[in-house]
Amino acid sequence: MDTIETIRNRRSVRKFTDENISKTDLLTLKEALLRSPSSRGRNHWSFYFVQDKESLKKLSESKADGSTFIKDAKLAVVVCGDENICDVWIEDCSIASTILQLTAHSLGLGSCWIQIRNRNHSDKTSSEEFVKNLLNIKENVRVLSIIAIGYPAQKTIPLDYSKLEFDKIKDIC
């Protein structure tokens, strides 16, 4: 699948089948992440590949709303950056998260981004604190997102070309 076709057809998937992700595809996802660009080549990010069913269930509780479907995914990738190494960790981790989703789609997998940074698990605990405690992530490492991945349980429909908001683009010639 070429890049523009991947972009055209990728949609968020929140319902997954029980089919396991192959070791080859897992390795491809890892490679894609490690090939993601990072500011000044610092490679400050780290990625937690969570496949254990109990851990997936716990991660599905990371936010008060919008994360429950993680429990049905076959994989959750927690995307982190070290803010002491790179001041643009948010941007670099966002790029990696997007590359992961596009790679997953190119492999026939579905995915959905779960925002963790600046979200709450409860009134007393942030989503980031919850995930860091669950996975024993170091203090200086920040959690940006979780990408839920698995085989789609339903077909998604690409956004129609006619619905693209071309008025958002300003041509300066």
N, C-alpha and C. Protein backbone atom coordinates (compact mmCIF):
# COMPACT_ATOMS: atom_id res chain seq x y z
N MET A 1 0.85 -1.17 0.00
CA MET A 1 0.00 0.00 0.00
C MET A 1 0.90 1.23 0.00
N ASP A 2 0.65 2.18 -0.90
CA ASP A 2 1.50 3.37 -0.89
C ASP A 2 1.02 4.34 0.19
N THR A 3 1.82 5.32 0.49
CA THR A 3 1.59 6.19 1.64
C THR A 3 0.26 6.92 1.58
N ILE A 4 -0.05 7.55 0.44
CA ILE A 4 -1.29 8.32 0.36
C ILE A 4 -2.52 7.41 0.50
N GLU A 5 -2.44 6.20 -0.01
CA GLU A 5 -3.57 5.26 0.14
C GLU A 5 -3.73 4.85 1.61
N THR A 6 -2.62 4.68 2.29
CA THR A 6 -2.67 4.37 3.72
C THR A 6 -3.34 5.52 4.47
N ILE A 7 -2.94 6.75 4.17
CA ILE A 7 -3.52 7.92 4.82
C ILE A 7 -5.00 8.05 4.47
N ARG A 8 -5.35 7.81 3.22
CA ARG A 8 -6.75 7.93 2.80
C ARG A 8 -7.66 6.93 3.51
N ASN A 9 -7.16 5.76 3.76
CA ASN A 9 -8.00 4.67 4.25
C ASN A 9 -7.94 4.42 5.76
N ARG A 10 -6.95 4.99 6.45
CA ARG A 10 -6.83 4.75 7.89
C ARG A 10 -7.91 5.50 8.65
N ARG A 11 -8.57 4.81 9.53
CA ARG A 11 -9.57 5.39 10.42
C ARG A 11 -9.34 4.80 11.81
N SER A 12 -9.80 5.48 12.83
CA SER A 12 -9.67 4.96 14.19
C SER A 12 -10.54 3.72 14.35
N VAL A 13 -9.97 2.71 14.99
CA VAL A 13 -10.66 1.44 15.23
C VAL A 13 -10.72 1.22 16.74
N ARG A 14 -11.92 0.96 17.24
CA ARG A 14 -12.11 0.74 18.68
C ARG A 14 -12.69 -0.63 19.00
N LYS A 15 -12.92 -1.43 17.96
CA LYS A 15 -13.42 -2.79 18.15
C LYS A 15 -12.49 -3.74 17.41
N PHE A 16 -12.01 -4.74 18.15
CA PHE A 16 -10.99 -5.64 17.62
C PHE A 16 -11.43 -7.09 17.68
N THR A 17 -10.87 -7.90 16.78
CA THR A 17 -11.12 -9.33 16.80
C THR A 17 -10.20 -9.98 17.83
N ASP A 18 -10.34 -11.29 18.02
CA ASP A 18 -9.49 -12.03 18.94
C ASP A 18 -8.19 -12.53 18.28
N GLU A 19 -8.00 -12.23 17.01
CA GLU A 19 -6.82 -12.70 16.28
C GLU A 19 -5.55 -12.06 16.83
N ASN A 20 -4.55 -12.90 17.09
CA ASN A 20 -3.26 -12.41 17.59
C ASN A 20 -2.47 -11.75 16.47
N ILE A 21 -1.63 -10.81 16.87
CA ILE A 21 -0.73 -10.13 15.93
C ILE A 21 0.52 -10.98 15.79
N SER A 22 0.95 -11.23 14.56
CA SER A 22 2.11 -12.10 14.33
C SER A 22 3.39 -11.45 14.86
N LYS A 23 4.36 -12.30 15.16
CA LYS A 23 5.66 -11.81 15.63
C LYS A 23 6.33 -10.94 14.57
N THR A 24 6.13 -11.30 13.30
CA THR A 24 6.70 -10.50 12.21
C THR A 24 6.10 -9.10 12.20
N ASP A 25 4.78 -9.01 12.36
CA ASP A 25 4.13 -7.70 12.38
C ASP A 25 4.53 -6.90 13.61
N LEU A 26 4.67 -7.56 14.76
CA LEU A 26 5.13 -6.88 15.96
C LEU A 26 6.52 -6.28 15.75
N LEU A 27 7.38 -7.05 15.10
CA LEU A 27 8.73 -6.57 14.82
C LEU A 27 8.69 -5.38 13.85
N THR A 28 7.82 -5.44 12.87
CA THR A 28 7.68 -4.32 11.92
C THR A 28 7.20 -3.06 12.64
N LEU A 29 6.25 -3.21 13.56
CA LEU A 29 5.78 -2.05 14.33
C LEU A 29 6.91 -1.45 15.17
N LYS A 30 7.71 -2.31 15.77
CA LYS A 30 8.85 -1.84 16.57
C LYS A 30 9.86 -1.11 15.69
N GLU A 31 10.15 -1.70 14.53
CA GLU A 31 11.09 -1.06 13.61
C GLU A 31 10.60 0.32 13.18
N ALA A 32 9.31 0.42 12.85
CA ALA A 32 8.75 1.70 12.43
C ALA A 32 8.94 2.76 13.52
N LEU A 33 8.68 2.39 14.76
CA LEU A 33 8.86 3.33 15.86
C LEU A 33 10.31 3.79 15.98
N LEU A 34 11.22 2.85 15.88
CA LEU A 34 12.63 3.17 16.03
C LEU A 34 13.19 3.95 14.84
N ARG A 35 12.46 3.97 13.73
CA ARG A 35 12.85 4.77 12.57
C ARG A 35 12.17 6.14 12.58
N SER A 36 11.34 6.40 13.57
CA SER A 36 10.66 7.70 13.66
C SER A 36 11.69 8.81 13.85
N PRO A 37 11.46 9.95 13.21
CA PRO A 37 12.38 11.06 13.42
C PRO A 37 12.27 11.61 14.83
N SER A 38 13.37 12.11 15.34
CA SER A 38 13.36 12.79 16.63
C SER A 38 14.27 14.01 16.52
N SER A 39 13.91 15.03 17.25
CA SER A 39 14.65 16.29 17.20
C SER A 39 16.13 16.06 17.50
N ARG A 40 16.95 16.55 16.62
CA ARG A 40 18.40 16.46 16.75
C ARG A 40 18.89 15.02 16.90
N GLY A 41 18.08 14.05 16.46
CA GLY A 41 18.46 12.64 16.53
C GLY A 41 18.67 12.15 17.95
N ARG A 42 17.97 12.74 18.92
CA ARG A 42 18.17 12.40 20.33
C ARG A 42 17.58 11.05 20.70
N ASN A 43 16.57 10.59 19.96
CA ASN A 43 15.93 9.28 20.23
C ASN A 43 15.62 9.10 21.72
N HIS A 44 15.01 10.11 22.30
CA HIS A 44 14.70 10.13 23.72
C HIS A 44 13.46 9.31 24.08
N TRP A 45 12.72 8.88 23.06
CA TRP A 45 11.47 8.18 23.33
C TRP A 45 11.70 6.75 23.80
N SER A 46 10.65 6.21 24.39
CA SER A 46 10.62 4.79 24.74
C SER A 46 9.20 4.31 24.54
N PHE A 47 9.06 3.02 24.27
CA PHE A 47 7.77 2.46 23.90
C PHE A 47 7.54 1.17 24.68
N TYR A 48 6.42 1.08 25.33
CA TYR A 48 6.06 -0.10 26.11
C TYR A 48 5.03 -0.88 25.31
N PHE A 49 5.39 -2.08 24.88
CA PHE A 49 4.49 -2.96 24.12
C PHE A 49 3.77 -3.87 25.12
N VAL A 50 2.51 -3.61 25.34
CA VAL A 50 1.73 -4.34 26.34
C VAL A 50 0.79 -5.30 25.63
N GLN A 51 0.96 -6.60 25.91
CA GLN A 51 0.11 -7.63 25.31
C GLN A 51 -0.59 -8.49 26.35
N ASP A 52 -0.13 -8.44 27.58
CA ASP A 52 -0.72 -9.21 28.66
C ASP A 52 -2.16 -8.75 28.88
N LYS A 53 -3.09 -9.70 28.88
CA LYS A 53 -4.52 -9.40 28.97
C LYS A 53 -4.87 -8.61 30.23
N GLU A 54 -4.29 -8.99 31.36
CA GLU A 54 -4.57 -8.28 32.61
C GLU A 54 -4.05 -6.85 32.57
N SER A 55 -2.87 -6.66 32.00
CA SER A 55 -2.30 -5.31 31.88
C SER A 55 -3.12 -4.46 30.92
N LEU A 56 -3.61 -5.07 29.84
CA LEU A 56 -4.47 -4.35 28.89
C LEU A 56 -5.75 -3.89 29.60
N LYS A 57 -6.29 -4.77 30.43
CA LYS A 57 -7.50 -4.41 31.18
C LYS A 57 -7.23 -3.23 32.10
N LYS A 58 -6.10 -3.25 32.79
CA LYS A 58 -5.76 -2.14 33.69
C LYS A 58 -5.53 -0.85 32.91
N LEU A 59 -4.84 -0.95 31.76
CA LEU A 59 -4.63 0.25 30.93
C LEU A 59 -5.95 0.82 30.44
N SER A 60 -6.95 -0.04 30.25
CA SER A 60 -8.26 0.44 29.76
C SER A 60 -8.95 1.32 30.80
N GLU A 61 -8.42 1.34 32.01
CA GLU A 61 -8.96 2.17 33.08
C GLU A 61 -8.13 3.45 33.28
N SER A 62 -7.23 3.74 32.36
CA SER A 62 -6.31 4.85 32.55
C SER A 62 -6.97 6.22 32.49
N LYS A 63 -8.11 6.31 31.85
CA LYS A 63 -8.83 7.58 31.76
C LYS A 63 -10.25 7.39 32.26
N ALA A 64 -10.82 8.48 32.74
CA ALA A 64 -12.21 8.42 33.20
C ALA A 64 -13.14 8.11 32.03
N ASP A 65 -12.72 8.48 30.82
CA ASP A 65 -13.55 8.28 29.63
C ASP A 65 -12.65 8.12 28.40
N GLY A 66 -12.99 7.20 27.52
CA GLY A 66 -12.30 7.10 26.24
C GLY A 66 -11.13 6.14 26.17
N SER A 67 -11.04 5.19 27.11
CA SER A 67 -9.95 4.22 27.04
C SER A 67 -10.40 2.78 27.26
N THR A 68 -11.68 2.56 27.48
CA THR A 68 -12.16 1.22 27.83
C THR A 68 -11.89 0.17 26.76
N PHE A 69 -11.85 0.57 25.50
CA PHE A 69 -11.66 -0.40 24.42
C PHE A 69 -10.26 -1.01 24.39
N ILE A 70 -9.31 -0.46 25.15
CA ILE A 70 -7.96 -1.03 25.20
C ILE A 70 -8.02 -2.49 25.64
N LYS A 71 -8.94 -2.81 26.52
CA LYS A 71 -9.02 -4.18 27.07
C LYS A 71 -9.28 -5.21 25.98
N ASP A 72 -9.87 -4.82 24.86
CA ASP A 72 -10.17 -5.75 23.77
C ASP A 72 -9.12 -5.76 22.67
N ALA A 73 -8.12 -4.88 22.77
CA ALA A 73 -7.04 -4.84 21.78
C ALA A 73 -6.07 -5.99 22.05
N LYS A 74 -5.30 -6.35 21.05
CA LYS A 74 -4.26 -7.37 21.24
C LYS A 74 -2.94 -6.75 21.66
N LEU A 75 -2.83 -5.42 21.48
CA LEU A 75 -1.59 -4.72 21.79
C LEU A 75 -1.93 -3.28 22.15
N ALA A 76 -1.26 -2.78 23.17
CA ALA A 76 -1.30 -1.36 23.49
C ALA A 76 0.14 -0.89 23.56
N VAL A 77 0.45 0.15 22.80
CA VAL A 77 1.80 0.70 22.83
C VAL A 77 1.73 2.03 23.58
N VAL A 78 2.44 2.08 24.69
CA VAL A 78 2.51 3.30 25.49
C VAL A 78 3.72 4.09 24.97
N VAL A 79 3.44 5.31 24.52
CA VAL A 79 4.46 6.14 23.87
C VAL A 79 4.94 7.19 24.88
N CYS A 80 6.25 7.16 25.16
CA CYS A 80 6.84 8.01 26.19
C CYS A 80 8.03 8.78 25.66
N GLY A 81 8.31 9.90 26.31
CA GLY A 81 9.49 10.70 25.97
C GLY A 81 10.16 11.21 27.22
N ASP A 82 11.48 11.36 27.16
CA ASP A 82 12.25 11.86 28.30
C ASP A 82 12.40 13.37 28.18
N GLU A 83 11.66 14.11 29.01
CA GLU A 83 11.67 15.56 28.92
C GLU A 83 13.00 16.17 29.35
N ASN A 84 13.85 15.41 30.04
CA ASN A 84 15.18 15.91 30.42
C ASN A 84 16.18 15.83 29.28
N ILE A 85 15.88 15.02 28.29
CA ILE A 85 16.78 14.87 27.14
C ILE A 85 16.35 15.77 25.99
N CYS A 86 15.04 15.98 25.86
CA CYS A 86 14.55 16.72 24.70
C CYS A 86 13.37 17.61 25.07
N ASP A 87 13.47 18.88 24.73
CA ASP A 87 12.40 19.83 25.05
C ASP A 87 11.19 19.69 24.14
N VAL A 88 11.33 18.98 23.04
CA VAL A 88 10.19 18.79 22.12
C VAL A 88 9.75 17.32 22.12
N TRP A 89 9.75 16.74 23.30
CA TRP A 89 9.34 15.34 23.43
C TRP A 89 7.90 15.13 22.98
N ILE A 90 7.04 16.11 23.19
CA ILE A 90 5.63 15.97 22.79
C ILE A 90 5.54 15.83 21.27
N GLU A 91 6.25 16.68 20.57
CA GLU A 91 6.22 16.63 19.10
C GLU A 91 6.79 15.31 18.58
N ASP A 92 7.94 14.92 19.13
CA ASP A 92 8.59 13.68 18.67
C ASP A 92 7.72 12.46 18.96
N CYS A 93 7.10 12.43 20.13
CA CYS A 93 6.24 11.29 20.47
C CYS A 93 4.95 11.30 19.66
N SER A 94 4.47 12.48 19.29
CA SER A 94 3.30 12.57 18.41
C SER A 94 3.61 12.01 17.03
N ILE A 95 4.78 12.35 16.52
CA ILE A 95 5.21 11.82 15.22
C ILE A 95 5.30 10.29 15.29
N ALA A 96 5.94 9.78 16.34
CA ALA A 96 6.08 8.32 16.50
C ALA A 96 4.71 7.65 16.60
N SER A 97 3.79 8.25 17.34
CA SER A 97 2.44 7.69 17.48
C SER A 97 1.75 7.61 16.13
N THR A 98 1.90 8.64 15.33
CA THR A 98 1.27 8.66 14.00
C THR A 98 1.91 7.63 13.08
N ILE A 99 3.23 7.56 13.09
CA ILE A 99 3.92 6.56 12.27
C ILE A 99 3.48 5.15 12.67
N LEU A 100 3.32 4.92 13.96
CA LEU A 100 2.86 3.62 14.43
C LEU A 100 1.48 3.30 13.87
N GLN A 101 0.57 4.27 13.91
CA GLN A 101 -0.78 4.03 13.40
C GLN A 101 -0.78 3.77 11.89
N LEU A 102 0.00 4.53 11.15
CA LEU A 102 0.05 4.32 9.70
C LEU A 102 0.68 2.96 9.37
N THR A 103 1.71 2.58 10.11
CA THR A 103 2.33 1.27 9.89
C THR A 103 1.35 0.16 10.22
N ALA A 104 0.64 0.29 11.33
CA ALA A 104 -0.35 -0.72 11.71
C ALA A 104 -1.38 -0.88 10.59
N HIS A 105 -1.87 0.24 10.08
CA HIS A 105 -2.87 0.17 9.00
C HIS A 105 -2.30 -0.53 7.76
N SER A 106 -1.06 -0.22 7.43
CA SER A 106 -0.44 -0.84 6.25
C SER A 106 -0.29 -2.35 6.41
N LEU A 107 -0.32 -2.85 7.65
CA LEU A 107 -0.22 -4.28 7.93
C LEU A 107 -1.60 -4.95 8.06
N GLY A 108 -2.66 -4.15 7.85
CA GLY A 108 -4.01 -4.68 7.97
C GLY A 108 -4.55 -4.63 9.39
N LEU A 109 -3.86 -3.92 10.26
CA LEU A 109 -4.28 -3.78 11.65
C LEU A 109 -5.05 -2.47 11.83
N GLY A 110 -5.89 -2.44 12.83
CA GLY A 110 -6.58 -1.21 13.19
C GLY A 110 -5.93 -0.63 14.43
N SER A 111 -6.13 0.67 14.63
CA SER A 111 -5.55 1.32 15.80
C SER A 111 -6.38 2.52 16.21
N CYS A 112 -6.14 2.96 17.44
CA CYS A 112 -6.76 4.18 17.92
C CYS A 112 -5.84 4.83 18.95
N TRP A 113 -5.69 6.14 18.83
CA TRP A 113 -4.88 6.94 19.75
C TRP A 113 -5.69 7.22 21.00
N ILE A 114 -5.10 7.00 22.16
CA ILE A 114 -5.69 7.37 23.43
C ILE A 114 -4.78 8.44 24.03
N GLN A 115 -5.28 9.64 24.16
CA GLN A 115 -4.51 10.74 24.74
C GLN A 115 -4.35 10.51 26.23
N ILE A 116 -3.12 10.57 26.73
CA ILE A 116 -2.85 10.39 28.16
C ILE A 116 -2.39 11.70 28.79
N ARG A 117 -1.49 12.40 28.14
CA ARG A 117 -0.98 13.66 28.67
C ARG A 117 -2.14 14.64 28.85
N ASN A 118 -2.17 15.27 30.01
CA ASN A 118 -3.21 16.26 30.36
C ASN A 118 -4.61 15.67 30.48
N ARG A 119 -4.71 14.38 30.76
CA ARG A 119 -6.00 13.74 30.99
C ARG A 119 -6.02 13.18 32.41
N ASN A 120 -7.21 12.88 32.92
CA ASN A 120 -7.34 12.41 34.29
C ASN A 120 -7.89 10.99 34.38
N HIS A 121 -7.29 10.24 35.28
CA HIS A 121 -7.79 8.92 35.64
C HIS A 121 -8.93 9.08 36.64
N SER A 122 -8.73 9.97 37.61
CA SER A 122 -9.72 10.25 38.64
C SER A 122 -9.53 11.69 39.10
N ASP A 123 -10.30 12.10 40.09
CA ASP A 123 -10.16 13.45 40.64
C ASP A 123 -8.79 13.67 41.27
N LYS A 124 -8.18 12.60 41.74
CA LYS A 124 -6.92 12.71 42.48
C LYS A 124 -5.69 12.27 41.69
N THR A 125 -5.89 11.55 40.58
CA THR A 125 -4.76 10.98 39.85
C THR A 125 -4.88 11.30 38.36
N SER A 126 -3.78 11.77 37.79
CA SER A 126 -3.77 12.00 36.34
C SER A 126 -3.64 10.65 35.62
N SER A 127 -4.04 10.64 34.38
CA SER A 127 -3.88 9.43 33.56
C SER A 127 -2.41 9.06 33.45
N GLU A 128 -1.57 10.07 33.32
CA GLU A 128 -0.13 9.83 33.20
C GLU A 128 0.42 9.16 34.46
N GLU A 129 0.05 9.65 35.63
CA GLU A 129 0.49 9.03 36.89
C GLU A 129 0.02 7.58 36.97
N PHE A 130 -1.23 7.36 36.59
CA PHE A 130 -1.79 6.01 36.63
C PHE A 130 -0.98 5.05 35.75
N VAL A 131 -0.70 5.46 34.52
CA VAL A 131 0.06 4.60 33.58
C VAL A 131 1.49 4.42 34.07
N LYS A 132 2.12 5.48 34.53
CA LYS A 132 3.50 5.38 35.01
C LYS A 132 3.60 4.42 36.20
N ASN A 133 2.65 4.50 37.12
CA ASN A 133 2.65 3.58 38.26
C ASN A 133 2.41 2.14 37.82
N LEU A 134 1.49 1.96 36.90
CA LEU A 134 1.16 0.62 36.42
C LEU A 134 2.36 -0.06 35.75
N LEU A 135 3.09 0.70 34.94
CA LEU A 135 4.20 0.12 34.16
C LEU A 135 5.57 0.41 34.75
N ASN A 136 5.60 1.05 35.93
CA ASN A 136 6.86 1.36 36.59
C ASN A 136 7.78 2.19 35.69
N ILE A 137 7.23 3.27 35.16
CA ILE A 137 7.97 4.17 34.26
C ILE A 137 8.68 5.23 35.11
N LYS A 138 9.94 5.51 34.76
CA LYS A 138 10.77 6.44 35.51
C LYS A 138 10.14 7.84 35.58
N GLU A 139 10.48 8.55 36.65
CA GLU A 139 9.89 9.86 36.94
C GLU A 139 10.08 10.87 35.82
N ASN A 140 11.28 10.95 35.23
CA ASN A 140 11.56 11.96 34.20
C ASN A 140 10.99 11.59 32.84
N VAL A 141 10.44 10.41 32.70
CA VAL A 141 9.85 9.97 31.43
C VAL A 141 8.37 10.32 31.46
N ARG A 142 7.92 10.98 30.39
CA ARG A 142 6.53 11.43 30.30
C ARG A 142 5.75 10.51 29.36
N VAL A 143 4.47 10.33 29.64
CA VAL A 143 3.60 9.50 28.81
C VAL A 143 2.72 10.41 27.98
N LEU A 144 2.82 10.29 26.66
CA LEU A 144 2.00 11.09 25.77
C LEU A 144 0.70 10.39 25.42
N SER A 145 0.82 9.14 24.96
CA SER A 145 -0.34 8.45 24.40
C SER A 145 -0.23 6.95 24.57
N ILE A 146 -1.35 6.31 24.35
CA ILE A 146 -1.39 4.85 24.20
C ILE A 146 -2.04 4.61 22.85
N ILE A 147 -1.44 3.73 22.07
CA ILE A 147 -2.03 3.35 20.78
C ILE A 147 -2.53 1.91 20.93
N ALA A 148 -3.85 1.76 20.86
CA ALA A 148 -4.47 0.43 20.91
C ALA A 148 -4.43 -0.15 19.50
N ILE A 149 -4.02 -1.43 19.39
CA ILE A 149 -3.84 -2.06 18.07
C ILE A 149 -4.42 -3.47 18.08
N GLY A 150 -5.02 -3.84 16.98
CA GLY A 150 -5.53 -5.20 16.78
C GLY A 150 -6.18 -5.29 15.41
N TYR A 151 -6.65 -6.46 15.08
CA TYR A 151 -7.36 -6.60 13.80
C TYR A 151 -8.76 -6.02 13.95
N PRO A 152 -9.18 -5.18 13.02
CA PRO A 152 -10.50 -4.53 13.13
C PRO A 152 -11.64 -5.55 13.13
N ALA A 153 -12.59 -5.35 14.03
CA ALA A 153 -13.77 -6.22 14.10
C ALA A 153 -14.88 -5.70 13.19
N GLN A 154 -14.68 -4.52 12.63
CA GLN A 154 -15.66 -3.98 11.70
C GLN A 154 -14.94 -3.15 10.64
N LYS A 155 -15.56 -3.05 9.50
CA LYS A 155 -14.97 -2.29 8.40
C LYS A 155 -15.19 -0.80 8.66
N THR A 156 -14.14 -0.02 8.46
CA THR A 156 -14.27 1.43 8.59
C THR A 156 -14.39 2.04 7.20
N ILE A 157 -15.04 3.17 7.14
CA ILE A 157 -15.25 3.85 5.86
C ILE A 157 -14.36 5.08 5.82
N PRO A 158 -13.52 5.19 4.78
CA PRO A 158 -12.65 6.35 4.67
C PRO A 158 -13.45 7.65 4.55
N LEU A 159 -12.87 8.74 4.98
CA LEU A 159 -13.48 10.04 4.82
C LEU A 159 -13.57 10.35 3.32
N ASP A 160 -14.74 10.73 2.87
CA ASP A 160 -14.95 11.05 1.47
C ASP A 160 -14.16 12.30 1.08
N TYR A 161 -13.56 12.26 -0.09
CA TYR A 161 -12.76 13.38 -0.60
C TYR A 161 -13.55 14.69 -0.56
N SER A 162 -14.83 14.63 -0.86
CA SER A 162 -15.67 15.84 -0.90
C SER A 162 -15.84 16.48 0.48
N LYS A 163 -15.51 15.75 1.53
CA LYS A 163 -15.66 16.29 2.89
C LYS A 163 -14.37 16.93 3.41
N LEU A 164 -13.30 16.86 2.60
CA LEU A 164 -12.04 17.48 3.02
C LEU A 164 -12.22 19.00 3.06
N GLU A 165 -11.70 19.63 4.09
CA GLU A 165 -11.87 21.07 4.31
C GLU A 165 -10.72 21.86 3.67
N PHE A 166 -10.77 21.96 2.35
CA PHE A 166 -9.70 22.65 1.63
C PHE A 166 -9.62 24.13 1.98
N ASP A 167 -10.66 24.70 2.57
CA ASP A 167 -10.60 26.10 2.98
C ASP A 167 -9.63 26.33 4.14
N LYS A 168 -9.19 25.25 4.77
CA LYS A 168 -8.20 25.33 5.86
C LYS A 168 -6.79 25.55 5.32
N ILE A 169 -6.63 25.40 4.01
CA ILE A 169 -5.32 25.54 3.39
C ILE A 169 -5.27 26.88 2.66
N LYS A 170 -4.27 27.67 2.95
CA LYS A 170 -4.09 28.97 2.31
C LYS A 170 -2.89 28.88 1.39
N ASP A 171 -3.13 29.04 0.10
CA ASP A 171 -2.06 29.01 -0.89
C ASP A 171 -1.43 30.40 -0.99
N ILE A 172 -0.16 30.48 -0.73
CA ILE A 172 0.60 31.73 -0.88
C ILE A 172 1.56 31.51 -2.04
N CYS A 173 1.26 32.12 -3.16
CA CYS A 173 2.07 31.91 -4.37
C CYS A 173 2.83 33.15 -4.76
